[in-house]
Amino acid sequence: MELPGLRTWIVFYLISFVVLLWAAFLSAQGVMLWVSLLLVIIIVGLNFYTVYQQITLHASREELQRKLTEGFDRRPKEEEQ
Protein backbone atom coordinates (compact mmCIF):
# COMPACT_ATOMS: atom_id res chain seq x y z
CA MET A 1 0.00 0.00 0.00
CA GLU A 2 1.20 3.44 -0.84
CA LEU A 3 1.46 6.14 1.78
CA PRO A 4 -0.94 8.68 0.13
CA GLY A 5 -3.74 6.10 0.34
CA LEU A 6 -3.09 5.40 4.01
CA ARG A 7 -5.91 7.67 5.21
CA THR A 8 -8.39 5.86 2.98
CA TRP A 9 -7.27 2.48 4.31
CA ILE A 10 -7.61 3.65 7.91
CA VAL A 11 -11.17 4.87 7.31
CA PHE A 12 -12.03 1.66 5.43
CA TYR A 13 -10.85 -0.59 8.26
CA LEU A 14 -12.43 1.58 10.96
CA ILE A 15 -15.78 1.30 9.21
CA SER A 16 -15.25 -2.45 8.87
CA PHE A 17 -14.43 -2.72 12.57
CA VAL A 18 -17.56 -0.78 13.56
CA VAL A 19 -19.75 -3.02 11.40
CA LEU A 20 -18.19 -6.13 12.91
CA LEU A 21 -18.76 -4.76 16.42
CA TRP A 22 -22.38 -4.04 15.55
CA ALA A 23 -22.74 -7.60 14.21
CA ALA A 24 -21.26 -8.98 17.44
CA PHE A 25 -23.68 -6.85 19.46
CA LEU A 26 -26.66 -8.15 17.44
CA SER A 27 -25.58 -11.77 17.79
CA ALA A 28 -24.89 -11.43 21.53
CA GLN A 29 -28.46 -10.31 22.09
CA GLY A 30 -29.76 -13.19 20.02
CA VAL A 31 -31.69 -10.77 17.84
CA MET A 32 -31.33 -10.95 14.07
CA LEU A 33 -28.60 -13.58 14.11
CA TRP A 34 -28.84 -13.99 10.34
CA VAL A 35 -28.29 -10.23 9.83
CA SER A 36 -25.13 -10.28 11.93
CA LEU A 37 -23.83 -13.35 10.09
CA LEU A 38 -24.57 -11.70 6.75
CA LEU A 39 -22.74 -8.53 7.83
CA VAL A 40 -19.69 -10.52 8.88
CA ILE A 41 -19.63 -12.43 5.60
CA ILE A 42 -19.98 -9.23 3.55
CA ILE A 43 -17.27 -7.34 5.45
CA VAL A 44 -14.77 -10.22 5.40
CA GLY A 45 -15.45 -10.85 1.71
CA LEU A 46 -15.08 -7.15 0.88
CA ASN A 47 -11.81 -6.96 2.79
CA PHE A 48 -10.38 -10.00 1.00
CA TYR A 49 -11.50 -8.63 -2.38
CA THR A 50 -9.97 -5.21 -1.69
CA VAL A 51 -6.65 -6.64 -0.55
CA TYR A 52 -6.57 -8.96 -3.58
CA GLN A 53 -7.18 -6.00 -5.91
CA GLN A 54 -4.35 -4.05 -4.27
CA ILE A 55 -1.98 -7.02 -4.65
CA THR A 56 -2.82 -7.40 -8.35
CA LEU A 57 -2.46 -3.64 -8.89
CA HIS A 58 0.96 -3.71 -7.25
CA ALA A 59 2.03 -6.69 -9.36
CA SER A 60 0.90 -5.02 -12.57
CA ARG A 61 2.79 -1.85 -11.66
CA GLU A 62 5.95 -3.87 -11.01
CA GLU A 63 5.55 -5.67 -14.33
CA LEU A 64 5.08 -2.37 -16.18
CA GLN A 65 8.14 -0.91 -14.46
CA ARG A 66 10.17 -4.01 -15.36
CA LYS A 67 9.11 -3.76 -19.01
CA LEU A 68 9.94 -0.05 -19.18
CA THR A 69 13.40 -0.47 -17.68
CA GLU A 70 14.53 -3.77 -19.14
CA GLY A 71 16.70 -2.16 -21.86
CA PHE A 72 18.64 0.19 -19.60
CA ASP A 73 22.14 -0.59 -18.36
CA ARG A 74 22.82 0.79 -14.89
CA ARG A 75 26.53 0.03 -14.85
CA PRO A 76 28.77 3.09 -15.14
CA LYS A 77 30.55 3.52 -18.44
CA GLU A 78 34.16 2.45 -18.47
CA GLU A 79 36.62 5.27 -18.80
CA GLU A 80 37.77 5.75 -22.32
CA GLN A 81 41.52 5.57 -22.82
PDB file of N, CA and C in Angstrom:
ATOM      1  N   MET A   1       0.835  -1.183   0.000  1.00  0.00           N
ATOM      2  CA  MET A   1       0.000   0.000   0.000  1.00  0.00           C
ATOM      3  C   MET A   1       0.880   1.247   0.000  1.00  0.00           C
ATOM      4  N   GLU A   2       0.447   2.207  -0.757  1.00  0.00           N
ATOM      5  CA  GLU A   2       1.196   3.440  -0.837  1.00  0.00           C
ATOM      6  C   GLU A   2       0.804   4.352   0.315  1.00  0.00           C
ATOM      7  N   LEU A   3       1.699   5.246   0.647  1.00  0.00           N
ATOM      8  CA  LEU A   3       1.460   6.141   1.775  1.00  0.00           C
ATOM      9  C   LEU A   3       0.336   7.153   1.534  1.00  0.00           C
ATOM     10  N   PRO A   4       0.172   7.730   0.314  1.00  0.00           N
ATOM     11  CA  PRO A   4      -0.937   8.676   0.134  1.00  0.00           C
ATOM     12  C   PRO A   4      -2.309   8.053   0.366  1.00  0.00           C
ATOM     13  N   GLY A   5      -2.462   6.756   0.130  1.00  0.00           N
ATOM     14  CA  GLY A   5      -3.743   6.103   0.341  1.00  0.00           C
ATOM     15  C   GLY A   5      -3.941   5.601   1.751  1.00  0.00           C
ATOM     16  N   LEU A   6      -3.025   5.914   2.646  1.00  0.00           N
ATOM     17  CA  LEU A   6      -3.094   5.397   4.013  1.00  0.00           C
ATOM     18  C   LEU A   6      -4.343   5.887   4.737  1.00  0.00           C
ATOM     19  N   ARG A   7      -4.720   7.127   4.537  1.00  0.00           N
ATOM     20  CA  ARG A   7      -5.906   7.672   5.205  1.00  0.00           C
ATOM     21  C   ARG A   7      -7.162   6.931   4.759  1.00  0.00           C
ATOM     22  N   THR A   8      -7.238   6.601   3.483  1.00  0.00           N
ATOM     23  CA  THR A   8      -8.385   5.857   2.975  1.00  0.00           C
ATOM     24  C   THR A   8      -8.450   4.462   3.590  1.00  0.00           C
ATOM     25  N   TRP A   9      -7.294   3.807   3.714  1.00  0.00           N
ATOM     26  CA  TRP A   9      -7.268   2.480   4.313  1.00  0.00           C
ATOM     27  C   TRP A   9      -7.681   2.516   5.775  1.00  0.00           C
ATOM     28  N   ILE A  10      -7.248   3.541   6.498  1.00  0.00           N
ATOM     29  CA  ILE A  10      -7.611   3.655   7.915  1.00  0.00           C
ATOM     30  C   ILE A  10      -9.118   3.816   8.058  1.00  0.00           C
ATOM     31  N   VAL A  11      -9.716   4.667   7.249  1.00  0.00           N
ATOM     32  CA  VAL A  11     -11.166   4.870   7.306  1.00  0.00           C
ATOM     33  C   VAL A  11     -11.891   3.583   6.915  1.00  0.00           C
ATOM     34  N   PHE A  12     -11.405   2.908   5.877  1.00  0.00           N
ATOM     35  CA  PHE A  12     -12.031   1.657   5.431  1.00  0.00           C
ATOM     36  C   PHE A  12     -12.040   0.617   6.545  1.00  0.00           C
ATOM     37  N   TYR A  13     -10.902   0.421   7.221  1.00  0.00           N
ATOM     38  CA  TYR A  13     -10.846  -0.590   8.259  1.00  0.00           C
ATOM     39  C   TYR A  13     -11.549  -0.151   9.539  1.00  0.00           C
ATOM     40  N   LEU A  14     -11.626   1.129   9.814  1.00  0.00           N
ATOM     41  CA  LEU A  14     -12.426   1.579  10.958  1.00  0.00           C
ATOM     42  C   LEU A  14     -13.907   1.319  10.734  1.00  0.00           C
ATOM     43  N   ILE A  15     -14.384   1.592   9.521  1.00  0.00           N
ATOM     44  CA  ILE A  15     -15.785   1.303   9.207  1.00  0.00           C
ATOM     45  C   ILE A  15     -16.042  -0.203   9.287  1.00  0.00           C
ATOM     46  N   SER A  16     -15.114  -0.997   8.791  1.00  0.00           N
ATOM     47  CA  SER A  16     -15.253  -2.453   8.873  1.00  0.00           C
ATOM     48  C   SER A  16     -15.307  -2.913  10.320  1.00  0.00           C
ATOM     49  N   PHE A  17     -14.455  -2.342  11.158  1.00  0.00           N
ATOM     50  CA  PHE A  17     -14.430  -2.717  12.569  1.00  0.00           C
ATOM     51  C   PHE A  17     -15.748  -2.352  13.263  1.00  0.00           C
ATOM     52  N   VAL A  18     -16.293  -1.199  12.953  1.00  0.00           N
ATOM     53  CA  VAL A  18     -17.564  -0.781  13.562  1.00  0.00           C
ATOM     54  C   VAL A  18     -18.687  -1.721  13.138  1.00  0.00           C
ATOM     55  N   VAL A  19     -18.706  -2.102  11.863  1.00  0.00           N
ATOM     56  CA  VAL A  19     -19.750  -3.020  11.396  1.00  0.00           C
ATOM     57  C   VAL A  19     -19.604  -4.386  12.068  1.00  0.00           C
ATOM     58  N   LEU A  20     -18.380  -4.849  12.232  1.00  0.00           N
ATOM     59  CA  LEU A  20     -18.187  -6.134  12.914  1.00  0.00           C
ATOM     60  C   LEU A  20     -18.584  -6.055  14.384  1.00  0.00           C
ATOM     61  N   LEU A  21     -18.309  -4.930  15.033  1.00  0.00           N
ATOM     62  CA  LEU A  21     -18.759  -4.757  16.420  1.00  0.00           C
ATOM     63  C   LEU A  21     -20.277  -4.752  16.514  1.00  0.00           C
ATOM     64  N   TRP A  22     -20.919  -4.089  15.565  1.00  0.00           N
ATOM     65  CA  TRP A  22     -22.379  -4.045  15.547  1.00  0.00           C
ATOM     66  C   TRP A  22     -22.943  -5.450  15.334  1.00  0.00           C
ATOM     67  N   ALA A  23     -22.299  -6.226  14.451  1.00  0.00           N
ATOM     68  CA  ALA A  23     -22.743  -7.601  14.213  1.00  0.00           C
ATOM     69  C   ALA A  23     -22.565  -8.448  15.474  1.00  0.00           C
ATOM     70  N   ALA A  24     -21.474  -8.247  16.189  1.00  0.00           N
ATOM     71  CA  ALA A  24     -21.262  -8.983  17.437  1.00  0.00           C
ATOM     72  C   ALA A  24     -22.312  -8.593  18.479  1.00  0.00           C
ATOM     73  N   PHE A  25     -22.656  -7.324  18.529  1.00  0.00           N
ATOM     74  CA  PHE A  25     -23.683  -6.853  19.457  1.00  0.00           C
ATOM     75  C   PHE A  25     -25.033  -7.483  19.130  1.00  0.00           C
ATOM     76  N   LEU A  26     -25.382  -7.542  17.837  1.00  0.00           N
ATOM     77  CA  LEU A  26     -26.659  -8.149  17.439  1.00  0.00           C
ATOM     78  C   LEU A  26     -26.692  -9.636  17.762  1.00  0.00           C
ATOM     79  N   SER A  27     -25.578 -10.328  17.530  1.00  0.00           N
ATOM     80  CA  SER A  27     -25.579 -11.768  17.791  1.00  0.00           C
ATOM     81  C   SER A  27     -25.531 -12.077  19.286  1.00  0.00           C
ATOM     82  N   ALA A  28     -24.936 -11.201  20.085  1.00  0.00           N
ATOM     83  CA  ALA A  28     -24.887 -11.429  21.532  1.00  0.00           C
ATOM     84  C   ALA A  28     -26.269 -11.300  22.149  1.00  0.00           C
ATOM     85  N   GLN A  29     -27.099 -10.448  21.580  1.00  0.00           N
ATOM     86  CA  GLN A  29     -28.456 -10.307  22.087  1.00  0.00           C
ATOM     87  C   GLN A  29     -29.369 -11.419  21.598  1.00  0.00           C
ATOM     88  N   GLY A  30     -28.934 -12.126  20.574  1.00  0.00           N
ATOM     89  CA  GLY A  30     -29.762 -13.189  20.017  1.00  0.00           C
ATOM     90  C   GLY A  30     -30.791 -12.665  19.042  1.00  0.00           C
ATOM     91  N   VAL A  31     -30.743 -11.383  18.756  1.00  0.00           N
ATOM     92  CA  VAL A  31     -31.692 -10.769  17.843  1.00  0.00           C
ATOM     93  C   VAL A  31     -31.043 -10.682  16.469  1.00  0.00           C
ATOM     94  N   MET A  32     -31.779 -11.051  15.460  1.00  0.00           N
ATOM     95  CA  MET A  32     -31.328 -10.947  14.070  1.00  0.00           C
ATOM     96  C   MET A  32     -29.957 -11.586  13.873  1.00  0.00           C
ATOM     97  N   LEU A  33     -29.860 -12.846  14.258  1.00  0.00           N
ATOM     98  CA  LEU A  33     -28.602 -13.579  14.114  1.00  0.00           C
ATOM     99  C   LEU A  33     -28.191 -13.693  12.655  1.00  0.00           C
ATOM    100  N   TRP A  34     -29.162 -13.869  11.759  1.00  0.00           N
ATOM    101  CA  TRP A  34     -28.845 -13.987  10.340  1.00  0.00           C
ATOM    102  C   TRP A  34     -28.322 -12.674   9.773  1.00  0.00           C
ATOM    103  N   VAL A  35     -28.794 -11.532  10.299  1.00  0.00           N
ATOM    104  CA  VAL A  35     -28.290 -10.233   9.833  1.00  0.00           C
ATOM    105  C   VAL A  35     -26.836 -10.049  10.249  1.00  0.00           C
ATOM    106  N   SER A  36     -26.509 -10.423  11.477  1.00  0.00           N
ATOM    107  CA  SER A  36     -25.127 -10.281  11.934  1.00  0.00           C
ATOM    108  C   SER A  36     -24.202 -11.215  11.163  1.00  0.00           C
ATOM    109  N   LEU A  37     -24.643 -12.429  10.880  1.00  0.00           N
ATOM    110  CA  LEU A  37     -23.833 -13.348  10.089  1.00  0.00           C
ATOM    111  C   LEU A  37     -23.639 -12.825   8.667  1.00  0.00           C
ATOM    112  N   LEU A  38     -24.673 -12.273   8.089  1.00  0.00           N
ATOM    113  CA  LEU A  38     -24.572 -11.695   6.750  1.00  0.00           C
ATOM    114  C   LEU A  38     -23.616 -10.506   6.731  1.00  0.00           C
ATOM    115  N   LEU A  39     -23.663  -9.663   7.756  1.00  0.00           N
ATOM    116  CA  LEU A  39     -22.743  -8.527   7.835  1.00  0.00           C
ATOM    117  C   LEU A  39     -21.292  -8.986   7.934  1.00  0.00           C
ATOM    118  N   VAL A  40     -21.053 -10.001   8.739  1.00  0.00           N
ATOM    119  CA  VAL A  40     -19.688 -10.517   8.885  1.00  0.00           C
ATOM    120  C   VAL A  40     -19.190 -11.089   7.561  1.00  0.00           C
ATOM    121  N   ILE A  41     -20.024 -11.842   6.873  1.00  0.00           N
ATOM    122  CA  ILE A  41     -19.628 -12.426   5.597  1.00  0.00           C
ATOM    123  C   ILE A  41     -19.349 -11.341   4.566  1.00  0.00           C
ATOM    124  N   ILE A  42     -20.175 -10.324   4.514  1.00  0.00           N
ATOM    125  CA  ILE A  42     -19.981  -9.232   3.554  1.00  0.00           C
ATOM    126  C   ILE A  42     -18.700  -8.471   3.848  1.00  0.00           C
ATOM    127  N   ILE A  43     -18.461  -8.125   5.104  1.00  0.00           N
ATOM    128  CA  ILE A  43     -17.272  -7.343   5.453  1.00  0.00           C
ATOM    129  C   ILE A  43     -15.995  -8.143   5.210  1.00  0.00           C
ATOM    130  N   VAL A  44     -15.966  -9.400   5.612  1.00  0.00           N
ATOM    131  CA  VAL A  44     -14.775 -10.220   5.402  1.00  0.00           C
ATOM    132  C   VAL A  44     -14.530 -10.425   3.904  1.00  0.00           C
ATOM    133  N   GLY A  45     -15.592 -10.684   3.152  1.00  0.00           N
ATOM    134  CA  GLY A  45     -15.448 -10.846   1.705  1.00  0.00           C
ATOM    135  C   GLY A  45     -14.970  -9.573   1.030  1.00  0.00           C
ATOM    136  N   LEU A  46     -15.495  -8.435   1.447  1.00  0.00           N
ATOM    137  CA  LEU A  46     -15.082  -7.150   0.880  1.00  0.00           C
ATOM    138  C   LEU A  46     -13.625  -6.845   1.213  1.00  0.00           C
ATOM    139  N   ASN A  47     -13.211  -7.172   2.423  1.00  0.00           N
ATOM    140  CA  ASN A  47     -11.807  -6.965   2.794  1.00  0.00           C
ATOM    141  C   ASN A  47     -10.872  -7.841   1.968  1.00  0.00           C
ATOM    142  N   PHE A  48     -11.213  -9.117   1.812  1.00  0.00           N
ATOM    143  CA  PHE A  48     -10.384 -10.003   0.998  1.00  0.00           C
ATOM    144  C   PHE A  48     -10.318  -9.525  -0.450  1.00  0.00           C
ATOM    145  N   TYR A  49     -11.458  -9.109  -1.001  1.00  0.00           N
ATOM    146  CA  TYR A  49     -11.500  -8.626  -2.378  1.00  0.00           C
ATOM    147  C   TYR A  49     -10.649  -7.369  -2.546  1.00  0.00           C
ATOM    148  N   THR A  50     -10.735  -6.449  -1.604  1.00  0.00           N
ATOM    149  CA  THR A  50      -9.968  -5.208  -1.691  1.00  0.00           C
ATOM    150  C   THR A  50      -8.469  -5.469  -1.589  1.00  0.00           C
ATOM    151  N   VAL A  51      -8.071  -6.321  -0.681  1.00  0.00           N
ATOM    152  CA  VAL A  51      -6.648  -6.635  -0.547  1.00  0.00           C
ATOM    153  C   VAL A  51      -6.148  -7.356  -1.798  1.00  0.00           C
ATOM    154  N   TYR A  52      -6.957  -8.265  -2.356  1.00  0.00           N
ATOM    155  CA  TYR A  52      -6.567  -8.960  -3.576  1.00  0.00           C
ATOM    156  C   TYR A  52      -6.390  -7.974  -4.736  1.00  0.00           C
ATOM    157  N   GLN A  53      -7.301  -7.013  -4.850  1.00  0.00           N
ATOM    158  CA  GLN A  53      -7.177  -6.004  -5.909  1.00  0.00           C
ATOM    159  C   GLN A  53      -5.917  -5.166  -5.735  1.00  0.00           C
ATOM    160  N   GLN A  54      -5.568  -4.818  -4.507  1.00  0.00           N
ATOM    161  CA  GLN A  54      -4.353  -4.053  -4.271  1.00  0.00           C
ATOM    162  C   GLN A  54      -3.108  -4.867  -4.611  1.00  0.00           C
ATOM    163  N   ILE A  55      -3.119  -6.163  -4.317  1.00  0.00           N
ATOM    164  CA  ILE A  55      -1.979  -7.020  -4.652  1.00  0.00           C
ATOM    165  C   ILE A  55      -1.820  -7.125  -6.161  1.00  0.00           C
ATOM    166  N   THR A  56      -2.916  -7.312  -6.891  1.00  0.00           N
ATOM    167  CA  THR A  56      -2.817  -7.397  -8.346  1.00  0.00           C
ATOM    168  C   THR A  56      -2.411  -6.069  -8.957  1.00  0.00           C
ATOM    169  N   LEU A  57      -2.867  -4.959  -8.402  1.00  0.00           N
ATOM    170  CA  LEU A  57      -2.459  -3.641  -8.886  1.00  0.00           C
ATOM    171  C   LEU A  57      -0.961  -3.438  -8.687  1.00  0.00           C
ATOM    172  N   HIS A  58      -0.469  -3.837  -7.533  1.00  0.00           N
ATOM    173  CA  HIS A  58       0.959  -3.707  -7.249  1.00  0.00           C
ATOM    174  C   HIS A  58       1.779  -4.589  -8.191  1.00  0.00           C
ATOM    175  N   ALA A  59       1.317  -5.800  -8.450  1.00  0.00           N
ATOM    176  CA  ALA A  59       2.032  -6.695  -9.357  1.00  0.00           C
ATOM    177  C   ALA A  59       2.033  -6.151 -10.784  1.00  0.00           C
ATOM    178  N   SER A  60       0.929  -5.571 -11.216  1.00  0.00           N
ATOM    179  CA  SER A  60       0.895  -5.021 -12.572  1.00  0.00           C
ATOM    180  C   SER A  60       1.806  -3.803 -12.693  1.00  0.00           C
ATOM    181  N   ARG A  61       1.882  -2.998 -11.638  1.00  0.00           N
ATOM    182  CA  ARG A  61       2.795  -1.848 -11.663  1.00  0.00           C
ATOM    183  C   ARG A  61       4.250  -2.301 -11.715  1.00  0.00           C
ATOM    184  N   GLU A  62       4.589  -3.337 -10.967  1.00  0.00           N
ATOM    185  CA  GLU A  62       5.951  -3.866 -11.008  1.00  0.00           C
ATOM    186  C   GLU A  62       6.275  -4.432 -12.381  1.00  0.00           C
ATOM    187  N   GLU A  63       5.326  -5.117 -12.998  1.00  0.00           N
ATOM    188  CA  GLU A  63       5.545  -5.668 -14.332  1.00  0.00           C
ATOM    189  C   GLU A  63       5.736  -4.551 -15.365  1.00  0.00           C
ATOM    190  N   LEU A  64       4.930  -3.505 -15.274  1.00  0.00           N
ATOM    191  CA  LEU A  64       5.080  -2.370 -16.177  1.00  0.00           C
ATOM    192  C   LEU A  64       6.431  -1.692 -15.982  1.00  0.00           C
ATOM    193  N   GLN A  65       6.841  -1.528 -14.746  1.00  0.00           N
ATOM    194  CA  GLN A  65       8.135  -0.913 -14.461  1.00  0.00           C
ATOM    195  C   GLN A  65       9.276  -1.793 -14.982  1.00  0.00           C
ATOM    196  N   ARG A  66       9.153  -3.105 -14.850  1.00  0.00           N
ATOM    197  CA  ARG A  66      10.170  -4.008 -15.361  1.00  0.00           C
ATOM    198  C   ARG A  66      10.261  -3.927 -16.878  1.00  0.00           C
ATOM    199  N   LYS A  67       9.111  -3.857 -17.556  1.00  0.00           N
ATOM    200  CA  LYS A  67       9.111  -3.756 -19.007  1.00  0.00           C
ATOM    201  C   LYS A  67       9.706  -2.434 -19.484  1.00  0.00           C
ATOM    202  N   LEU A  68       9.431  -1.358 -18.771  1.00  0.00           N
ATOM    203  CA  LEU A  68       9.937  -0.053 -19.184  1.00  0.00           C
ATOM    204  C   LEU A  68      11.436   0.082 -18.978  1.00  0.00           C
ATOM    205  N   THR A  69      11.975  -0.633 -18.006  1.00  0.00           N
ATOM    206  CA  THR A  69      13.396  -0.466 -17.676  1.00  0.00           C
ATOM    207  C   THR A  69      14.265  -1.642 -18.090  1.00  0.00           C
ATOM    208  N   GLU A  70      13.737  -2.589 -18.853  1.00  0.00           N
ATOM    209  CA  GLU A  70      14.534  -3.771 -19.140  1.00  0.00           C
ATOM    210  C   GLU A  70      15.674  -3.495 -20.118  1.00  0.00           C
ATOM    211  N   GLY A  71      15.637  -2.443 -20.908  1.00  0.00           N
ATOM    212  CA  GLY A  71      16.699  -2.164 -21.858  1.00  0.00           C
ATOM    213  C   GLY A  71      17.804  -1.276 -21.332  1.00  0.00           C
ATOM    214  N   PHE A  72      17.647  -0.750 -20.142  1.00  0.00           N
ATOM    215  CA  PHE A  72      18.637   0.185 -19.596  1.00  0.00           C
ATOM    216  C   PHE A  72      19.758  -0.556 -18.886  1.00  0.00           C
ATOM    217  N   ASP A  73      20.976  -0.011 -19.032  1.00  0.00           N
ATOM    218  CA  ASP A  73      22.138  -0.586 -18.362  1.00  0.00           C
ATOM    219  C   ASP A  73      22.543   0.365 -17.251  1.00  0.00           C
ATOM    220  N   ARG A  74      22.529  -0.086 -16.024  1.00  0.00           N
ATOM    221  CA  ARG A  74      22.819   0.791 -14.886  1.00  0.00           C
ATOM    222  C   ARG A  74      24.296   0.835 -14.520  1.00  0.00           C
ATOM    223  N   ARG A  75      25.097   0.032 -15.159  1.00  0.00           N
ATOM    224  CA  ARG A  75      26.529   0.031 -14.848  1.00  0.00           C
ATOM    225  C   ARG A  75      27.173   1.315 -15.385  1.00  0.00           C
ATOM    226  N   PRO A  76      28.091   1.864 -14.637  1.00  0.00           N
ATOM    227  CA  PRO A  76      28.774   3.086 -15.144  1.00  0.00           C
ATOM    228  C   PRO A  76      29.623   2.751 -16.354  1.00  0.00           C
ATOM    229  N   LYS A  77      29.728   3.715 -17.240  1.00  0.00           N
ATOM    230  CA  LYS A  77      30.552   3.521 -18.440  1.00  0.00           C
ATOM    231  C   LYS A  77      32.008   3.444 -18.065  1.00  0.00           C
ATOM    232  N   GLU A  78      32.714   2.572 -18.736  1.00  0.00           N
ATOM    233  CA  GLU A  78      34.158   2.453 -18.471  1.00  0.00           C
ATOM    234  C   GLU A  78      34.852   3.679 -19.036  1.00  0.00           C
ATOM    235  N   GLU A  79      35.872   4.075 -18.352  1.00  0.00           N
ATOM    236  CA  GLU A  79      36.619   5.272 -18.795  1.00  0.00           C
ATOM    237  C   GLU A  79      37.303   4.989 -20.111  1.00  0.00           C
ATOM    238  N   GLU A  80      37.126   5.910 -21.027  1.00  0.00           N
ATOM    239  CA  GLU A  80      37.773   5.751 -22.324  1.00  0.00           C
ATOM    240  C   GLU A  80      39.243   6.086 -22.218  1.00  0.00           C
ATOM    241  N   GLN A  81      40.060   5.344 -22.915  1.00  0.00           N
ATOM    242  CA  GLN A  81      41.518   5.568 -22.823  1.00  0.00           C
ATOM    243  C   GLN A  81      42.011   6.363 -23.986  1.00  0.00           C
TER     244      GLN A  81
END
